[in-house]
């Protein structure tokens, strides 16, 4: 089965075409940028062939996806001979609300429920839905599956997902913790157990997806029972430009004193805060580490705050799980940042996690154990592949 995986953002779309045999094989991947802006760009990377790039006006996602389909069958740059060789499309959808406990085949009811979640994820779901509708238009009859960032966390118990607000806020407005990065947390937990030869049903896992967006998840027997992101992705950890957990009274105080509108306040906590806001330099961990080495105290503070908060969530979730067997690092920072991993995990000896600094040193983008042999608790780097999760779930749902 050849599955076209689409991840549609507001002005971009990422894609991969994978052949799902006994082992998944990447045929091509690429990115469409500047949708709706002047001079849109398609960058197409077929496996075993030269990269292909074109620049033209791309007014909407339908035009962008049409360019992708043409690139896939291009006589020179393509990887399939006919669009009929695409057997299904799998879509990353940010928010499934309480409608979707699992990935789902796209039908009229699914589209209606995805649309109903647009107010919960106004920056993502409309673009995700547009991608689905565009594929319907361009390849009528092609089976499509939606894979939700939130569905893995639908196993959270009420005491974990409810907020201490008037209950009517949940009943009328559906305000509760939903969590995100679910496809990544699910994938790396299963992958780690396969590497270690473990049965995930017997294990307690804390998964740390650390990137520009970051979250921690407590996984008990393969099910999510707690996660750090909430009603929006802003809850939880300090992130690239997001505040993470914040005293709401402080936010109201700032908004009142600075006379900020709701839009300006939202912009501040999502785009002007986090590592970038604290450091005043960058949201990129690499830039901050260079600045900290040069003696920049605010850069060092941002790094310390990030590690401290991840450490705090690991300890908290170990208590929630009643113990821990495995701590996972994944995502751009988790997989590649040696310094951050050490700062976060080196002091968990009291839990039985014996960190190995030598193993950790120099490891970037590789699946590896970074705890010492004989450690009661295992620590691992596990590379994530959300596109593979989407393709695998598409194959599973359609079969």
Protein backbone atom coordinates (compact mmCIF):
# COMPACT_ATOMS: atom_id res chain seq x y z
CA UNK A 1 0.00 0.00 0.00
CA UNK A 2 1.33 3.45 -0.99
CA UNK A 3 0.19 6.09 1.50
CA UNK A 4 0.48 9.83 0.88
CA UNK A 5 0.90 11.54 4.25
CA UNK A 6 -0.16 15.20 4.42
CA UNK A 7 0.43 17.66 7.24
CA UNK A 8 -1.29 20.90 6.26
CA UNK A 9 -0.51 24.11 8.13
CA UNK A 10 -2.06 27.52 7.62
CA UNK A 11 0.42 28.53 4.90
CA UNK A 12 2.41 25.35 4.29
CA UNK A 13 2.10 21.61 3.86
CA UNK A 14 4.58 18.82 4.49
CA UNK A 15 4.19 15.50 2.72
CA UNK A 16 5.68 12.03 2.40
CA UNK A 17 4.83 9.14 0.12
CA UNK A 18 5.54 5.82 1.83
CA UNK A 19 5.29 2.26 0.57
CA UNK A 20 3.88 0.21 3.45
CA UNK A 21 5.22 -3.33 2.96
CA UNK A 22 6.71 -5.50 5.70
CA UNK A 23 8.91 -2.48 6.31
CA UNK A 24 7.91 1.05 5.37
CA UNK A 25 9.91 2.60 2.54
CA UNK A 26 10.09 6.34 1.93
CA UNK A 27 9.56 7.10 -1.76
CA UNK A 28 9.52 10.89 -1.63
CA UNK A 29 9.02 13.79 0.75
CA UNK A 30 8.73 17.51 0.45
CA UNK A 31 7.37 20.84 1.56
CA UNK A 32 5.06 23.44 0.05
CA UNK A 33 5.62 26.89 1.55
CA UNK A 34 4.06 30.35 1.31
CA UNK A 35 0.57 29.15 0.41
CA UNK A 36 -1.60 32.20 -0.16
CA UNK A 37 1.44 34.48 -0.37
CA UNK A 38 3.47 35.71 -3.32
CA UNK A 39 5.94 33.26 -4.83
CA UNK A 40 4.97 29.98 -3.22
CA UNK A 41 7.65 27.27 -3.16
CA UNK A 42 7.50 23.51 -3.69
CA UNK A 43 10.58 21.56 -2.59
CA UNK A 44 10.30 17.93 -3.70
CA UNK A 45 12.86 15.32 -2.58
CA UNK A 46 12.45 11.96 -4.34
CA UNK A 47 14.52 9.11 -2.92
CA UNK A 48 17.52 8.35 -5.11
CA UNK A 49 16.99 11.40 -7.31
CA UNK A 50 17.97 15.05 -7.27
CA UNK A 51 15.91 17.57 -5.30
CA UNK A 52 13.31 19.41 -7.37
CA UNK A 53 12.20 22.95 -6.59
CA UNK A 54 9.71 25.28 -8.25
CA UNK A 55 8.48 28.77 -7.41
CA UNK A 56 5.04 29.98 -8.48
CA UNK A 57 1.83 31.46 -7.12
CA UNK A 58 0.14 28.92 -4.81
CA UNK A 59 -3.14 30.58 -3.75
CA UNK A 60 -4.56 27.69 -1.69
CA UNK A 61 -3.94 24.16 -0.42
CA UNK A 62 -5.74 22.59 -3.37
CA UNK A 63 -3.22 24.14 -5.79
CA UNK A 64 -0.38 23.13 -3.48
CA UNK A 65 -1.51 19.49 -3.29
CA UNK A 66 -2.02 19.44 -7.05
CA UNK A 67 1.63 20.48 -7.44
CA UNK A 68 2.66 17.67 -5.09
CA UNK A 69 0.70 15.09 -7.10
CA UNK A 70 2.23 16.32 -10.36
CA UNK A 71 5.72 16.12 -8.83
CA UNK A 72 5.11 12.54 -7.71
CA UNK A 73 4.31 11.41 -11.29
CA UNK A 74 6.76 13.73 -13.06
CA UNK A 75 8.73 11.76 -15.72
CA UNK A 76 12.05 13.02 -14.35
CA UNK A 77 11.46 13.78 -10.67
CA UNK A 78 8.56 11.45 -9.92
CA UNK A 79 8.56 8.16 -8.01
CA UNK A 80 5.31 6.60 -9.33
CA UNK A 81 4.03 6.26 -12.87
CA UNK A 82 0.36 7.01 -12.22
CA UNK A 83 -1.72 8.67 -9.48
CA UNK A 84 -3.64 5.38 -9.25
CA UNK A 85 -0.50 4.05 -7.54
CA UNK A 86 -1.49 6.11 -4.47
CA UNK A 87 -3.73 3.82 -2.43
CA UNK A 88 -4.67 6.14 0.42
CA UNK A 89 -4.04 9.51 2.05
CA UNK A 90 -3.31 9.97 5.74
CA UNK A 91 -3.78 13.39 7.30
CA UNK A 92 -2.34 14.84 10.47
CA UNK A 93 -5.24 16.60 12.23
CA UNK A 94 -4.39 18.68 15.27
CA UNK A 95 -7.60 18.38 17.29
CA UNK A 96 -10.17 15.63 17.55
CA UNK A 97 -11.87 16.96 20.68
CA UNK A 98 -13.89 14.28 22.46
CA UNK A 99 -15.19 12.95 19.14
CA UNK A 100 -12.22 10.76 18.25
CA UNK A 101 -10.75 8.10 20.54
CA UNK A 102 -8.59 6.82 17.69
CA UNK A 103 -7.60 7.61 14.13
CA UNK A 104 -10.61 7.51 11.81
CA UNK A 105 -11.54 6.95 8.19
CA UNK A 106 -12.79 10.15 6.60
CA UNK A 107 -16.53 10.20 5.91
CA UNK A 108 -19.19 12.89 6.17
CA UNK A 109 -19.55 12.49 9.94
CA UNK A 110 -15.77 12.65 10.45
CA UNK A 111 -15.53 15.85 8.40
CA UNK A 112 -18.39 17.37 10.39
CA UNK A 113 -16.68 16.56 13.70
CA UNK A 114 -13.28 17.83 12.52
CA UNK A 115 -15.01 21.07 11.52
CA UNK A 116 -16.65 21.26 14.95
CA UNK A 117 -13.17 21.20 16.51
CA UNK A 118 -12.01 24.20 14.47
CA UNK A 119 -12.89 26.56 17.30
CA UNK A 120 -10.66 24.47 19.61
CA UNK A 121 -7.72 24.65 17.18
CA UNK A 122 -8.38 27.67 14.93
CA UNK A 123 -4.82 27.80 13.59
CA UNK A 124 -4.62 24.13 12.61
CA UNK A 125 -7.91 22.30 12.08
CA UNK A 126 -9.21 24.54 9.26
CA UNK A 127 -6.00 23.90 7.28
CA UNK A 128 -6.14 20.17 8.08
CA UNK A 129 -9.74 20.02 6.87
CA UNK A 130 -8.86 21.98 3.74
CA UNK A 131 -6.24 19.36 2.92
CA UNK A 132 -8.84 16.60 3.25
CA UNK A 133 -11.35 18.43 1.05
CA UNK A 134 -8.65 19.20 -1.53
CA UNK A 135 -7.72 15.53 -1.82
CA UNK A 136 -11.40 14.67 -2.29
CA UNK A 137 -11.53 17.12 -5.16
CA UNK A 138 -8.25 16.09 -6.80
CA UNK A 139 -8.49 12.31 -6.33
CA UNK A 140 -12.21 11.47 -5.89
CA UNK A 141 -12.83 8.17 -4.16
CA UNK A 142 -9.37 7.87 -2.64
CA UNK A 143 -9.65 6.44 0.91
CA UNK A 144 -8.52 8.97 3.51
CA UNK A 145 -7.73 8.66 7.22
CA UNK A 146 -7.33 11.36 9.88
CA UNK A 147 -4.74 10.83 12.62
CA UNK A 148 -5.25 13.16 15.58
CA UNK A 149 -2.67 14.75 17.89
CA UNK A 150 -5.22 14.47 20.70
CA UNK A 151 -6.69 10.97 20.36
CA UNK A 152 -3.89 9.15 22.25
CA UNK A 153 -4.72 11.27 25.30
CA UNK A 154 -8.42 10.40 25.34
CA UNK A 155 -7.56 7.72 27.93
CA UNK A 156 -6.80 10.40 30.56
CA UNK A 157 -9.09 10.00 33.59
CA UNK A 158 -11.43 12.89 34.50
CA UNK A 159 -9.33 13.90 37.51
CA UNK A 160 -6.45 14.49 35.07
CA UNK A 161 -8.27 16.22 32.23
CA UNK A 162 -10.69 18.45 34.16
CA UNK A 163 -9.85 22.02 35.21
CA UNK A 164 -10.93 23.65 38.46
CA UNK A 165 -13.41 25.89 36.66
CA UNK A 166 -17.20 26.04 36.96
CA UNK A 167 -18.41 22.72 35.55
CA UNK A 168 -20.50 24.59 32.99
CA UNK A 169 -17.27 25.58 31.20
CA UNK A 170 -16.77 21.90 30.41
CA UNK A 171 -20.41 21.14 29.63
CA UNK A 172 -21.05 24.16 27.43
CA UNK A 173 -17.63 25.09 26.03
CA UNK A 174 -15.79 21.72 26.22
CA UNK A 175 -12.91 23.32 28.12
CA UNK A 176 -10.67 20.52 29.44
CA UNK A 177 -7.18 19.15 28.94
CA UNK A 178 -6.82 17.51 25.53
CA UNK A 179 -3.05 17.18 25.16
CA UNK A 180 -1.03 17.13 21.95
CA UNK A 181 1.99 15.34 20.39
CA UNK A 182 -0.02 12.15 20.88
CA UNK A 183 1.21 10.49 17.68
CA UNK A 184 4.82 11.08 18.72
CA UNK A 185 4.40 9.88 22.32
CA UNK A 186 2.58 6.75 21.16
CA UNK A 187 5.16 5.98 18.48
CA UNK A 188 8.30 6.37 20.61
CA UNK A 189 6.85 4.42 23.54
CA UNK A 190 6.07 1.44 21.31
CA UNK A 191 9.35 1.75 19.42
CA UNK A 192 11.41 1.86 22.62
CA UNK A 193 9.72 -1.27 23.97
CA UNK A 194 10.35 -3.07 20.68
CA UNK A 195 14.05 -2.12 20.83
CA UNK A 196 14.32 -3.28 24.45
CA UNK A 197 12.28 -6.45 23.88
CA UNK A 198 9.66 -5.35 26.40
CA UNK A 199 5.90 -5.79 26.46
CA UNK A 200 4.55 -2.25 26.72
CA UNK A 201 1.49 -3.53 28.60
CA UNK A 202 3.71 -4.17 31.63
CA UNK A 203 5.65 -0.91 31.58
CA UNK A 204 5.43 2.57 33.07
CA UNK A 205 6.94 5.19 30.75
CA UNK A 206 7.58 8.93 30.85
CA UNK A 207 7.96 10.28 27.32
CA UNK A 208 9.56 13.72 26.79
CA UNK A 209 8.89 15.22 23.35
CA UNK A 210 11.21 18.21 23.42
CA UNK A 211 11.34 20.64 20.53
CA UNK A 212 10.20 24.19 19.81
CA UNK A 213 6.89 22.82 21.08
CA UNK A 214 7.40 20.45 24.00
CA UNK A 215 5.37 18.10 26.16
CA UNK A 216 5.74 15.25 28.63
CA UNK A 217 3.42 12.23 28.77
CA UNK A 218 2.87 9.54 31.42
CA UNK A 219 2.13 6.19 29.72
CA UNK A 220 0.90 3.23 31.75
CA UNK A 221 0.56 -0.09 29.93
CA UNK A 222 0.61 1.67 26.56
CA UNK A 223 -2.08 4.21 27.51
CA UNK A 224 -1.68 7.92 28.16
CA UNK A 225 -2.81 8.77 31.70
CA UNK A 226 -1.39 12.31 31.98
CA UNK A 227 0.23 14.86 29.70
CA UNK A 228 1.56 18.37 30.09
CA UNK A 229 -0.14 20.23 27.22
CA UNK A 230 -3.73 21.10 27.95
CA UNK A 231 -6.72 22.78 26.30
CA UNK A 232 -4.14 24.46 24.08
CA UNK A 233 -0.47 23.61 23.41
CA UNK A 234 0.54 26.53 25.66
CA UNK A 235 0.12 24.61 28.94
CA UNK A 236 2.98 22.68 30.49
CA UNK A 237 6.66 23.13 29.70
CA UNK A 238 8.53 26.31 28.87
CA UNK A 239 8.88 26.18 25.06
CA UNK A 240 10.51 28.07 22.21
CA UNK A 241 8.05 30.98 22.29
CA UNK A 242 5.31 29.72 24.67
CA UNK A 243 5.13 30.43 28.38
CA UNK A 244 4.09 26.99 29.57
CA UNK A 245 2.42 26.90 32.98
CA UNK A 246 1.63 30.39 34.23
CA UNK A 247 -0.27 31.97 37.12
CA UNK A 248 -3.44 33.20 35.43
CA UNK A 249 -3.63 36.05 37.92
CA UNK A 250 -0.24 37.26 36.68
CA UNK A 251 -1.50 37.15 33.10
CA UNK A 252 -4.58 39.21 33.98
CA UNK A 253 -2.39 41.68 35.88
CA UNK A 254 -0.06 42.13 32.87
CA UNK A 255 -2.97 42.48 30.43
CA UNK A 256 -4.60 45.14 32.61
CA UNK A 257 -1.40 47.13 33.26
CA UNK A 258 -0.30 47.03 29.61
CA UNK A 259 -3.86 47.51 28.33
CA UNK A 260 -3.56 44.42 26.10
CA UNK A 261 -6.42 43.08 24.00
CA UNK A 262 -7.22 39.36 24.05
CA UNK A 263 -5.45 39.01 20.70
CA UNK A 264 -2.36 40.84 21.99
CA UNK A 265 -2.33 38.76 25.17
CA UNK A 266 -2.62 35.54 23.19
CA UNK A 267 0.22 36.67 20.93
CA UNK A 268 2.41 37.43 23.95
CA UNK A 269 2.01 34.04 25.63
CA UNK A 270 2.33 32.03 22.41
CA UNK A 271 4.82 33.95 20.25
CA UNK A 272 6.82 36.31 22.46
CA UNK A 273 7.52 34.23 25.56
CA UNK A 274 9.34 30.99 26.39
CA UNK A 275 13.05 30.62 25.64
CA UNK A 276 12.95 33.60 23.26
CA UNK A 277 11.16 35.85 25.74
CA UNK A 278 13.37 35.01 28.72
CA UNK A 279 16.68 35.14 26.83
CA UNK A 280 15.89 38.02 24.49
CA UNK A 281 18.03 36.20 21.94
CA UNK A 282 16.39 33.21 20.28
CA UNK A 283 13.97 30.31 20.62
CA UNK A 284 16.67 27.96 19.32
CA UNK A 285 18.47 25.93 21.99
CA UNK A 286 21.70 25.96 19.95
CA UNK A 287 21.82 29.76 19.89
CA UNK A 288 21.21 29.91 23.63
CA UNK A 289 23.96 27.41 24.44
CA UNK A 290 26.48 29.43 22.41
CA UNK A 291 25.38 32.65 24.14
CA UNK A 292 25.52 30.99 27.58
CA UNK A 293 29.08 29.80 26.90
CA UNK A 294 29.96 33.43 26.15
CA UNK A 295 28.60 34.45 29.55
CA UNK A 296 25.09 35.63 28.67
CA UNK A 297 23.19 35.21 31.95
CA UNK A 298 19.69 35.45 30.45
CA UNK A 299 20.52 32.72 27.94
CA UNK A 300 21.76 30.55 30.80
CA UNK A 301 18.60 31.32 32.80
CA UNK A 302 16.40 30.22 29.89
CA UNK A 303 18.34 26.94 29.58
CA UNK A 304 18.10 26.32 33.33
CA UNK A 305 14.37 27.07 33.38
CA UNK A 306 13.73 24.66 30.50
CA UNK A 307 15.64 21.78 32.11
CA UNK A 308 14.14 22.47 35.55
CA UNK A 309 10.60 22.26 34.26
CA UNK A 310 11.15 19.05 32.30
CA UNK A 311 12.79 17.52 35.38
CA UNK A 312 9.83 18.59 37.52
CA UNK A 313 7.33 16.94 35.16
CA UNK A 314 9.33 13.69 35.05
CA UNK A 315 9.26 13.53 38.86
CA UNK A 316 5.58 14.43 38.99
CA UNK A 317 4.62 11.83 36.40
CA UNK A 318 6.69 9.16 38.14
CA UNK A 319 4.46 9.77 41.16
CA UNK A 320 1.35 9.66 38.95
CA UNK A 321 2.45 6.32 37.48
CA UNK A 322 3.48 4.89 40.86
CA UNK A 323 7.02 4.31 39.59
CA UNK A 324 8.78 4.39 36.24
CA UNK A 325 10.58 1.85 34.07
CA UNK A 326 11.65 4.06 31.17
CA UNK A 327 12.28 7.75 30.45
CA UNK A 328 12.32 8.67 26.74
CA UNK A 329 13.80 11.72 25.03
CA UNK A 330 12.52 12.55 21.55
CA UNK A 331 11.87 15.58 19.32
CA UNK A 332 14.44 18.03 17.95
CA UNK A 333 15.93 18.91 21.36
CA UNK A 334 15.39 15.52 22.96
CA UNK A 335 17.10 13.66 20.13
CA UNK A 336 19.94 16.09 19.46
CA UNK A 337 20.80 18.25 22.46
CA UNK A 338 23.40 16.49 24.61
CA UNK A 339 23.60 19.29 27.20
CA UNK A 340 19.84 19.50 27.81
CA UNK A 341 19.47 15.75 28.23
CA UNK A 342 22.23 15.65 30.84
CA UNK A 343 20.88 18.65 32.76
CA UNK A 344 17.45 17.03 32.90
CA UNK A 345 18.26 13.42 33.75
CA UNK A 346 21.56 13.35 35.66
CA UNK A 347 20.05 13.75 39.16
CA UNK A 348 17.47 10.95 39.08
CA UNK A 349 19.69 8.44 40.88
CA UNK A 350 17.25 8.43 43.79
CA UNK A 351 14.67 6.86 41.43
CA UNK A 352 17.13 4.17 40.39
CA UNK A 353 18.06 5.87 37.10
CA UNK A 354 21.85 5.64 36.73
CA UNK A 355 22.65 8.11 33.93
CA UNK A 356 25.67 7.41 31.69
CA UNK A 357 27.25 10.72 30.61
CA UNK A 358 29.72 8.94 28.31
CA UNK A 359 26.95 7.18 26.38
CA UNK A 360 25.00 10.43 26.14
CA UNK A 361 27.94 12.50 24.85
CA UNK A 362 27.89 13.08 21.12
CA UNK A 363 24.61 11.22 20.50
CA UNK A 364 22.40 13.02 18.01
CA UNK A 365 19.44 11.64 16.10
CA UNK A 366 20.06 7.99 17.04
CA UNK A 367 18.07 5.43 19.02
CA UNK A 368 20.23 4.69 22.06
CA UNK A 369 20.17 3.81 25.76
CA UNK A 370 21.81 6.55 27.86
CA UNK A 371 21.57 4.88 31.26
CA UNK A 372 24.20 2.55 32.67
CA UNK A 373 23.92 -1.20 32.40
CA UNK A 374 22.10 -2.51 35.44
CA UNK A 375 20.23 0.75 36.01
CA UNK A 376 16.85 0.04 37.59
CA UNK A 377 15.25 2.69 35.38
CA UNK A 378 16.22 2.94 31.71
CA UNK A 379 16.75 6.25 29.89
CA UNK A 380 16.67 6.33 26.10
CA UNK A 381 16.87 8.56 23.08
CA UNK A 382 14.21 7.45 20.59
CA UNK A 383 13.86 9.11 17.19
CA UNK A 384 10.29 9.97 16.35
CA UNK A 385 8.62 9.64 12.96
CA UNK A 386 5.13 11.10 13.01
CA UNK A 387 4.69 10.57 9.26
CA UNK A 388 5.30 6.85 9.72
CA UNK A 389 2.71 6.78 12.52
CA UNK A 390 0.18 8.43 10.22
CA UNK A 391 0.93 6.01 7.38
CA UNK A 392 0.79 2.99 9.71
CA UNK A 393 -2.50 4.14 11.25
CA UNK A 394 -3.92 4.76 7.76
CA UNK A 395 -3.03 1.20 6.76
CA UNK A 396 -4.45 -0.18 10.04
CA UNK A 397 -7.76 1.70 9.80
CA UNK A 398 -8.33 0.83 6.14
CA UNK A 399 -7.52 -2.85 6.66
